[in-house]
């Protein structure tokens, strides 16, 4: 019996209509054979657009809603894309017994090699608080390099020791 429901709605550029798609637990989550799905199970894809049979460049908005009927927790991921789909702002909201609110901004800052600037904010008393700022470079061999400008864990470590 399925205890987690997953639905996704999306809108493509130049079309005012929203479309809705539902996914089974095994379609959305990368589950081990003996693993039961939960709201925070590992998804197959980090990019919500990878679940849709569309060109990424055509997608303007996408929202996934995951509801876990056992734990009473729901998770919403809302993304807006621009600059031919290269840039994204994503809002993550977890509600229920556990609550969390985060905004992630990803902006392509360089074409060759490709570099993305990433900013992550958690929300504390309705204020965005920077928790991560960094750059990811995609090398020609497929590897990636990360340059951390700021991370909350790095900041805490510098204050402690």
N, C-alpha and C. Protein backbone atom coordinates (compact mmCIF):
# COMPACT_ATOMS: atom_id res chain seq x y z
N UNK A 1 0.83 -1.18 0.00
CA UNK A 1 0.00 0.00 0.00
C UNK A 1 0.88 1.25 0.00
N UNK A 2 0.56 2.18 -0.85
CA UNK A 2 1.31 3.42 -0.98
C UNK A 2 0.98 4.37 0.16
N UNK A 3 2.00 4.86 0.83
CA UNK A 3 1.79 5.81 1.93
C UNK A 3 2.28 7.22 1.59
N UNK A 4 2.96 7.34 0.46
CA UNK A 4 3.48 8.64 0.03
C UNK A 4 2.89 8.96 -1.33
N UNK A 5 2.29 10.15 -1.44
CA UNK A 5 1.77 10.58 -2.74
C UNK A 5 2.68 11.67 -3.30
N UNK A 6 2.89 11.61 -4.60
CA UNK A 6 3.77 12.56 -5.27
C UNK A 6 3.03 13.12 -6.47
N UNK A 7 2.89 14.44 -6.50
CA UNK A 7 2.30 15.08 -7.67
C UNK A 7 3.19 16.24 -8.09
N UNK A 8 3.16 16.53 -9.36
CA UNK A 8 3.98 17.59 -9.90
C UNK A 8 3.13 18.39 -10.87
N UNK A 9 3.20 19.70 -10.75
CA UNK A 9 2.55 20.54 -11.76
C UNK A 9 3.62 21.42 -12.38
N UNK A 10 3.40 21.75 -13.64
CA UNK A 10 4.40 22.54 -14.35
C UNK A 10 3.73 23.41 -15.39
N UNK A 11 4.48 24.44 -15.80
CA UNK A 11 4.03 25.35 -16.85
C UNK A 11 5.20 25.58 -17.78
N UNK A 12 4.91 25.50 -19.07
CA UNK A 12 5.97 25.79 -20.04
C UNK A 12 5.85 27.24 -20.49
N UNK A 13 6.93 27.78 -21.00
CA UNK A 13 6.94 29.15 -21.49
C UNK A 13 5.89 29.31 -22.59
N UNK A 14 5.31 30.48 -22.67
CA UNK A 14 4.37 30.86 -23.72
C UNK A 14 3.12 29.99 -23.77
N UNK A 15 2.77 29.35 -22.65
CA UNK A 15 1.53 28.60 -22.56
C UNK A 15 0.95 28.88 -21.17
N UNK A 16 -0.25 29.47 -21.10
CA UNK A 16 -0.80 29.85 -19.79
C UNK A 16 -1.30 28.67 -18.95
N UNK A 17 -1.42 27.49 -19.55
CA UNK A 17 -2.00 26.35 -18.85
C UNK A 17 -0.97 25.59 -18.02
N UNK A 18 -1.39 25.19 -16.84
CA UNK A 18 -0.59 24.33 -15.98
C UNK A 18 -1.00 22.89 -16.23
N UNK A 19 -0.03 21.99 -16.21
CA UNK A 19 -0.27 20.55 -16.37
C UNK A 19 0.10 19.87 -15.05
N UNK A 20 -0.60 18.78 -14.74
CA UNK A 20 -0.32 18.03 -13.51
C UNK A 20 0.00 16.58 -13.85
N UNK A 21 1.00 16.04 -13.17
CA UNK A 21 1.42 14.65 -13.35
C UNK A 21 1.56 14.03 -11.96
N UNK A 22 1.14 12.78 -11.82
CA UNK A 22 1.32 12.05 -10.56
C UNK A 22 2.37 10.97 -10.78
N UNK A 23 3.12 10.68 -9.72
CA UNK A 23 4.17 9.67 -9.79
C UNK A 23 3.96 8.65 -8.68
N UNK A 24 4.32 7.41 -8.97
CA UNK A 24 4.33 6.39 -7.92
C UNK A 24 5.60 6.59 -7.10
N UNK A 25 5.65 5.96 -5.95
CA UNK A 25 6.83 6.06 -5.09
C UNK A 25 8.08 5.58 -5.82
N UNK A 26 7.97 4.48 -6.56
CA UNK A 26 9.14 3.93 -7.25
C UNK A 26 9.54 4.76 -8.47
N UNK A 27 8.61 5.52 -9.04
CA UNK A 27 8.96 6.39 -10.16
C UNK A 27 9.71 7.63 -9.69
N UNK A 28 9.41 8.09 -8.50
CA UNK A 28 10.01 9.33 -7.99
C UNK A 28 11.24 9.08 -7.12
N UNK A 29 11.18 8.04 -6.30
CA UNK A 29 12.27 7.78 -5.34
C UNK A 29 13.15 6.62 -5.79
N UNK A 30 14.44 6.73 -5.48
CA UNK A 30 15.42 5.67 -5.72
C UNK A 30 15.45 4.78 -4.47
N UNK A 31 14.52 3.82 -4.43
CA UNK A 31 14.35 2.99 -3.24
C UNK A 31 15.10 1.67 -3.37
N UNK A 32 15.68 1.20 -2.27
CA UNK A 32 16.21 -0.16 -2.23
C UNK A 32 15.04 -1.13 -2.26
N UNK A 33 15.29 -2.37 -2.62
CA UNK A 33 14.21 -3.35 -2.78
C UNK A 33 13.38 -3.55 -1.51
N UNK A 34 14.00 -3.40 -0.35
CA UNK A 34 13.28 -3.59 0.91
C UNK A 34 12.91 -2.27 1.60
N UNK A 35 13.10 -1.16 0.92
CA UNK A 35 12.90 0.16 1.52
C UNK A 35 11.47 0.66 1.30
N UNK A 36 10.88 1.19 2.36
CA UNK A 36 9.57 1.83 2.28
C UNK A 36 9.78 3.32 2.01
N UNK A 37 8.98 3.89 1.14
CA UNK A 37 9.11 5.31 0.82
C UNK A 37 8.66 6.17 1.99
N UNK A 38 9.38 7.27 2.20
CA UNK A 38 9.02 8.29 3.18
C UNK A 38 9.18 9.64 2.49
N UNK A 39 8.69 10.68 3.11
CA UNK A 39 8.73 12.01 2.50
C UNK A 39 10.15 12.46 2.16
N UNK A 40 11.15 11.98 2.90
CA UNK A 40 12.53 12.40 2.68
C UNK A 40 13.40 11.32 2.04
N UNK A 41 12.76 10.35 1.38
CA UNK A 41 13.53 9.34 0.64
C UNK A 41 14.32 10.01 -0.47
N UNK A 42 15.35 9.35 -0.95
CA UNK A 42 16.23 9.91 -1.98
C UNK A 42 15.52 9.88 -3.33
N UNK A 43 15.39 11.05 -3.98
CA UNK A 43 14.74 11.06 -5.31
C UNK A 43 15.70 10.54 -6.38
N UNK A 44 15.12 10.09 -7.49
CA UNK A 44 15.95 9.67 -8.63
C UNK A 44 16.71 10.86 -9.20
N UNK A 45 16.06 12.03 -9.23
CA UNK A 45 16.65 13.21 -9.87
C UNK A 45 16.69 14.39 -8.91
N UNK A 46 17.74 15.18 -8.99
CA UNK A 46 17.82 16.44 -8.24
C UNK A 46 17.07 17.55 -8.96
N UNK A 47 17.07 17.52 -10.26
CA UNK A 47 16.39 18.52 -11.08
C UNK A 47 14.98 18.01 -11.38
N UNK A 48 13.97 18.71 -10.89
CA UNK A 48 12.58 18.28 -11.09
C UNK A 48 12.23 18.13 -12.56
N UNK A 49 12.86 18.91 -13.42
CA UNK A 49 12.56 18.84 -14.85
C UNK A 49 12.91 17.49 -15.45
N UNK A 50 13.83 16.75 -14.81
CA UNK A 50 14.22 15.43 -15.32
C UNK A 50 13.09 14.41 -15.22
N UNK A 51 12.06 14.68 -14.43
CA UNK A 51 10.90 13.78 -14.34
C UNK A 51 9.91 13.99 -15.48
N UNK A 52 10.05 15.08 -16.18
CA UNK A 52 9.10 15.44 -17.23
C UNK A 52 9.68 15.11 -18.59
N UNK A 53 8.85 14.63 -19.47
CA UNK A 53 9.27 14.26 -20.82
C UNK A 53 9.19 15.49 -21.73
N UNK A 54 9.98 16.51 -21.36
CA UNK A 54 10.00 17.78 -22.09
C UNK A 54 11.43 18.29 -22.16
N UNK A 55 11.67 19.19 -23.10
CA UNK A 55 12.98 19.84 -23.14
C UNK A 55 13.07 20.78 -21.94
N UNK A 56 14.17 20.72 -21.22
CA UNK A 56 14.33 21.56 -20.03
C UNK A 56 14.15 23.04 -20.35
N UNK A 57 14.63 23.44 -21.50
CA UNK A 57 14.59 24.85 -21.88
C UNK A 57 13.15 25.37 -21.99
N UNK A 58 12.18 24.48 -22.19
CA UNK A 58 10.79 24.90 -22.38
C UNK A 58 10.04 25.09 -21.06
N UNK A 59 10.59 24.63 -19.95
CA UNK A 59 9.88 24.65 -18.67
C UNK A 59 10.17 25.94 -17.91
N UNK A 60 9.09 26.64 -17.54
CA UNK A 60 9.21 27.89 -16.81
C UNK A 60 9.07 27.69 -15.30
N UNK A 61 8.06 26.93 -14.90
CA UNK A 61 7.80 26.67 -13.49
C UNK A 61 7.54 25.18 -13.29
N UNK A 62 7.93 24.67 -12.14
CA UNK A 62 7.58 23.29 -11.77
C UNK A 62 7.46 23.23 -10.24
N UNK A 63 6.46 22.49 -9.79
CA UNK A 63 6.26 22.30 -8.36
C UNK A 63 5.99 20.82 -8.09
N UNK A 64 6.72 20.27 -7.14
CA UNK A 64 6.47 18.90 -6.69
C UNK A 64 5.94 18.97 -5.26
N UNK A 65 4.91 18.17 -5.00
CA UNK A 65 4.36 18.08 -3.65
C UNK A 65 4.39 16.62 -3.23
N UNK A 66 5.04 16.36 -2.11
CA UNK A 66 5.18 15.00 -1.57
C UNK A 66 4.46 14.98 -0.23
N UNK A 67 3.50 14.07 -0.09
CA UNK A 67 2.74 13.96 1.15
C UNK A 67 2.91 12.55 1.71
N UNK A 68 3.40 12.48 2.94
CA UNK A 68 3.60 11.21 3.64
C UNK A 68 2.46 11.04 4.64
N UNK A 69 1.52 10.14 4.34
CA UNK A 69 0.34 9.97 5.19
C UNK A 69 0.67 9.32 6.53
N UNK A 70 1.76 8.59 6.63
CA UNK A 70 2.15 7.95 7.90
C UNK A 70 2.72 8.99 8.88
N UNK A 71 3.66 9.80 8.42
CA UNK A 71 4.31 10.77 9.31
C UNK A 71 3.52 12.07 9.43
N UNK A 72 2.63 12.32 8.48
CA UNK A 72 1.89 13.59 8.49
C UNK A 72 2.72 14.76 8.00
N UNK A 73 3.81 14.46 7.30
CA UNK A 73 4.71 15.51 6.80
C UNK A 73 4.52 15.67 5.30
N UNK A 74 4.52 16.94 4.86
CA UNK A 74 4.47 17.21 3.42
C UNK A 74 5.68 18.07 3.05
N UNK A 75 6.10 17.91 1.81
CA UNK A 75 7.25 18.65 1.29
C UNK A 75 6.86 19.24 -0.05
N UNK A 76 7.12 20.53 -0.21
CA UNK A 76 6.84 21.22 -1.47
C UNK A 76 8.14 21.78 -2.01
N UNK A 77 8.39 21.56 -3.30
CA UNK A 77 9.55 22.12 -3.98
C UNK A 77 9.02 22.92 -5.16
N UNK A 78 9.26 24.23 -5.18
CA UNK A 78 8.79 25.10 -6.25
C UNK A 78 9.99 25.74 -6.93
N UNK A 79 10.08 25.58 -8.25
CA UNK A 79 11.22 26.14 -8.99
C UNK A 79 10.74 27.03 -10.13
N UNK A 80 11.47 28.12 -10.32
CA UNK A 80 11.28 29.03 -11.45
C UNK A 80 12.59 29.04 -12.22
N UNK A 81 12.49 28.95 -13.56
CA UNK A 81 13.68 28.91 -14.41
C UNK A 81 13.68 30.10 -15.36
N UNK A 82 14.87 30.58 -15.69
CA UNK A 82 15.03 31.64 -16.68
C UNK A 82 16.40 31.50 -17.32
N UNK A 83 16.71 32.39 -18.26
CA UNK A 83 17.97 32.34 -19.00
C UNK A 83 18.12 30.99 -19.70
N UNK A 84 17.10 30.65 -20.49
CA UNK A 84 17.05 29.39 -21.25
C UNK A 84 17.17 28.17 -20.33
N UNK A 85 16.65 28.30 -19.12
CA UNK A 85 16.65 27.17 -18.20
C UNK A 85 17.93 26.98 -17.41
N UNK A 86 18.92 27.84 -17.63
CA UNK A 86 20.20 27.69 -16.93
C UNK A 86 20.15 28.20 -15.49
N UNK A 87 19.26 29.15 -15.21
CA UNK A 87 19.18 29.74 -13.88
C UNK A 87 17.90 29.27 -13.19
N UNK A 88 17.97 29.17 -11.86
CA UNK A 88 16.83 28.64 -11.11
C UNK A 88 16.77 29.24 -9.72
N UNK A 89 15.56 29.48 -9.26
CA UNK A 89 15.31 29.75 -7.85
C UNK A 89 14.34 28.68 -7.38
N UNK A 90 14.67 28.03 -6.28
CA UNK A 90 13.86 26.92 -5.77
C UNK A 90 13.52 27.18 -4.31
N UNK A 91 12.25 27.03 -3.98
CA UNK A 91 11.80 27.15 -2.60
C UNK A 91 11.41 25.77 -2.10
N UNK A 92 11.96 25.38 -0.96
CA UNK A 92 11.65 24.08 -0.35
C UNK A 92 10.96 24.35 0.98
N UNK A 93 9.76 23.78 1.14
CA UNK A 93 9.01 23.95 2.38
C UNK A 93 8.58 22.57 2.88
N UNK A 94 8.94 22.27 4.11
CA UNK A 94 8.53 21.03 4.77
C UNK A 94 7.60 21.42 5.91
N UNK A 95 6.42 20.77 5.96
CA UNK A 95 5.41 21.09 6.97
C UNK A 95 4.94 19.83 7.67
N UNK A 96 4.53 19.99 8.91
CA UNK A 96 4.02 18.87 9.70
C UNK A 96 4.77 18.80 11.01
N UNK A 97 5.04 17.59 11.49
CA UNK A 97 5.79 17.40 12.74
C UNK A 97 7.19 17.99 12.63
N UNK A 98 7.72 17.99 11.41
CA UNK A 98 9.00 18.61 11.10
C UNK A 98 8.70 19.79 10.18
N UNK A 99 9.39 20.91 10.39
CA UNK A 99 9.18 22.03 9.48
C UNK A 99 10.53 22.63 9.09
N UNK A 100 10.56 23.13 7.87
CA UNK A 100 11.80 23.66 7.31
C UNK A 100 11.44 24.53 6.11
N UNK A 101 12.21 25.58 5.88
CA UNK A 101 11.97 26.46 4.74
C UNK A 101 13.33 26.91 4.21
N UNK A 102 13.57 26.68 2.93
CA UNK A 102 14.86 27.02 2.33
C UNK A 102 14.62 27.58 0.93
N UNK A 103 15.46 28.52 0.53
CA UNK A 103 15.47 29.05 -0.82
C UNK A 103 16.87 28.84 -1.40
N UNK A 104 16.91 28.30 -2.63
CA UNK A 104 18.18 28.01 -3.30
C UNK A 104 18.19 28.76 -4.63
N UNK A 105 19.24 29.51 -4.88
CA UNK A 105 19.38 30.24 -6.13
C UNK A 105 20.61 29.71 -6.85
N UNK A 106 20.44 29.35 -8.12
CA UNK A 106 21.53 28.84 -8.94
C UNK A 106 21.59 29.67 -10.22
N UNK A 107 22.73 30.33 -10.45
CA UNK A 107 22.88 31.20 -11.61
C UNK A 107 24.13 30.80 -12.38
N UNK A 108 23.96 30.57 -13.67
CA UNK A 108 25.10 30.26 -14.54
C UNK A 108 25.87 31.56 -14.77
N UNK A 109 27.14 31.58 -14.34
CA UNK A 109 27.92 32.81 -14.42
C UNK A 109 28.98 32.77 -15.51
N UNK A 110 29.24 31.59 -16.05
CA UNK A 110 30.28 31.46 -17.07
C UNK A 110 29.93 30.30 -17.98
N UNK A 111 30.26 30.46 -19.28
CA UNK A 111 29.91 29.46 -20.28
C UNK A 111 30.98 28.40 -20.49
N UNK A 112 32.25 28.81 -20.59
CA UNK A 112 33.31 27.84 -20.89
C UNK A 112 34.54 28.14 -20.03
N UNK A 113 34.86 27.31 -19.08
CA UNK A 113 34.06 26.18 -18.62
C UNK A 113 32.79 26.67 -17.91
N UNK A 114 31.80 25.82 -17.84
CA UNK A 114 30.53 26.19 -17.22
C UNK A 114 30.72 26.35 -15.72
N UNK A 115 30.27 27.50 -15.20
CA UNK A 115 30.36 27.79 -13.77
C UNK A 115 28.98 28.24 -13.29
N UNK A 116 28.54 27.67 -12.18
CA UNK A 116 27.30 28.07 -11.53
C UNK A 116 27.61 28.66 -10.16
N UNK A 117 26.95 29.76 -9.84
CA UNK A 117 27.02 30.33 -8.49
C UNK A 117 25.77 29.86 -7.75
N UNK A 118 25.96 29.33 -6.55
CA UNK A 118 24.86 28.77 -5.76
C UNK A 118 24.76 29.53 -4.44
N UNK A 119 23.55 29.95 -4.11
CA UNK A 119 23.26 30.58 -2.83
C UNK A 119 22.13 29.81 -2.18
N UNK A 120 22.30 29.46 -0.91
CA UNK A 120 21.25 28.74 -0.16
C UNK A 120 20.91 29.56 1.08
N UNK A 121 19.62 29.75 1.30
CA UNK A 121 19.14 30.48 2.46
C UNK A 121 18.14 29.62 3.22
N UNK A 122 18.32 29.45 4.52
CA UNK A 122 17.26 28.87 5.33
C UNK A 122 16.49 30.05 5.92
N UNK A 123 15.26 29.81 6.29
CA UNK A 123 14.43 30.90 6.80
C UNK A 123 14.29 30.75 8.31
N UNK A 124 14.61 31.83 9.01
CA UNK A 124 14.56 31.87 10.47
C UNK A 124 13.70 33.06 10.87
N UNK A 125 12.57 32.81 11.52
CA UNK A 125 11.63 33.87 11.88
C UNK A 125 11.24 34.71 10.66
N UNK A 126 10.99 34.02 9.56
CA UNK A 126 10.56 34.63 8.29
C UNK A 126 11.63 35.49 7.62
N UNK A 127 12.87 35.39 8.04
CA UNK A 127 13.96 36.10 7.39
C UNK A 127 14.88 35.10 6.70
N UNK A 128 15.30 35.40 5.47
CA UNK A 128 16.28 34.51 4.82
C UNK A 128 17.66 34.70 5.45
N UNK A 129 18.29 33.59 5.81
CA UNK A 129 19.62 33.61 6.43
C UNK A 129 20.54 32.78 5.54
N UNK A 130 21.62 33.39 5.08
CA UNK A 130 22.56 32.70 4.20
C UNK A 130 23.15 31.48 4.91
N UNK A 131 23.05 30.32 4.27
CA UNK A 131 23.66 29.12 4.84
C UNK A 131 24.76 28.55 3.94
N UNK A 132 24.79 28.99 2.67
CA UNK A 132 25.83 28.51 1.76
C UNK A 132 25.96 29.48 0.59
N UNK A 133 27.20 29.73 0.18
CA UNK A 133 27.50 30.49 -1.03
C UNK A 133 28.73 29.85 -1.65
N UNK A 134 28.59 29.41 -2.89
CA UNK A 134 29.72 28.77 -3.54
C UNK A 134 29.59 28.75 -5.04
N UNK A 135 30.62 28.24 -5.68
CA UNK A 135 30.67 28.13 -7.14
C UNK A 135 30.99 26.69 -7.51
N UNK A 136 30.32 26.19 -8.53
CA UNK A 136 30.60 24.86 -9.07
C UNK A 136 31.07 25.02 -10.50
N UNK A 137 32.23 24.45 -10.80
CA UNK A 137 32.76 24.49 -12.17
C UNK A 137 32.69 23.09 -12.74
N UNK A 138 32.12 22.98 -13.94
CA UNK A 138 32.07 21.70 -14.66
C UNK A 138 33.25 21.65 -15.61
N UNK A 139 34.14 20.71 -15.37
CA UNK A 139 35.32 20.56 -16.21
C UNK A 139 34.99 19.76 -17.46
N UNK A 140 35.84 19.88 -18.47
CA UNK A 140 35.61 19.19 -19.74
C UNK A 140 35.56 17.68 -19.58
N UNK A 141 36.26 17.13 -18.58
CA UNK A 141 36.27 15.67 -18.37
C UNK A 141 35.04 15.18 -17.61
N UNK A 142 34.10 16.11 -17.28
CA UNK A 142 32.88 15.72 -16.58
C UNK A 142 32.96 15.89 -15.07
N UNK A 143 34.16 16.09 -14.55
CA UNK A 143 34.30 16.29 -13.11
C UNK A 143 33.83 17.69 -12.73
N UNK A 144 33.61 17.90 -11.44
CA UNK A 144 33.20 19.21 -10.95
C UNK A 144 34.13 19.67 -9.84
N UNK A 145 34.31 20.97 -9.76
CA UNK A 145 35.09 21.57 -8.69
C UNK A 145 34.19 22.53 -7.93
N UNK A 146 34.30 22.51 -6.61
CA UNK A 146 33.50 23.40 -5.78
C UNK A 146 34.43 24.39 -5.09
N UNK A 147 34.04 25.66 -5.12
CA UNK A 147 34.76 26.69 -4.36
C UNK A 147 33.75 27.31 -3.40
N UNK A 148 33.94 27.05 -2.11
CA UNK A 148 33.02 27.55 -1.09
C UNK A 148 33.45 28.95 -0.67
N UNK A 149 32.54 29.90 -0.82
CA UNK A 149 32.77 31.26 -0.35
C UNK A 149 32.33 31.36 1.11
N UNK A 150 31.18 30.76 1.41
CA UNK A 150 30.64 30.78 2.76
C UNK A 150 29.76 29.56 2.97
N UNK A 151 29.89 28.94 4.11
CA UNK A 151 28.91 27.92 4.52
C UNK A 151 28.72 28.07 6.02
N UNK A 152 27.50 27.86 6.46
CA UNK A 152 27.21 28.04 7.88
C UNK A 152 28.07 27.11 8.72
N UNK A 153 28.34 25.89 8.24
CA UNK A 153 29.18 24.96 9.01
C UNK A 153 30.62 25.48 9.08
N UNK A 154 31.10 26.09 8.00
CA UNK A 154 32.45 26.66 7.99
C UNK A 154 32.51 27.85 8.96
N UNK A 155 31.44 28.66 8.99
CA UNK A 155 31.37 29.82 9.87
C UNK A 155 31.35 29.39 11.33
N UNK A 156 30.56 28.37 11.65
CA UNK A 156 30.48 27.87 13.02
C UNK A 156 31.83 27.29 13.45
N UNK A 157 32.48 26.54 12.56
CA UNK A 157 33.78 25.95 12.87
C UNK A 157 34.82 27.03 13.16
N UNK A 158 34.78 28.14 12.41
CA UNK A 158 35.76 29.20 12.62
C UNK A 158 35.54 29.90 13.96
N UNK A 159 34.30 29.94 14.43
CA UNK A 159 34.02 30.57 15.73
C UNK A 159 34.39 29.66 16.89
N UNK A 160 34.30 28.35 16.68
CA UNK A 160 34.57 27.39 17.75
C UNK A 160 36.06 27.17 17.92
N UNK A 161 36.77 27.07 16.83
CA UNK A 161 38.16 26.71 17.01
C UNK A 161 39.00 27.37 16.05
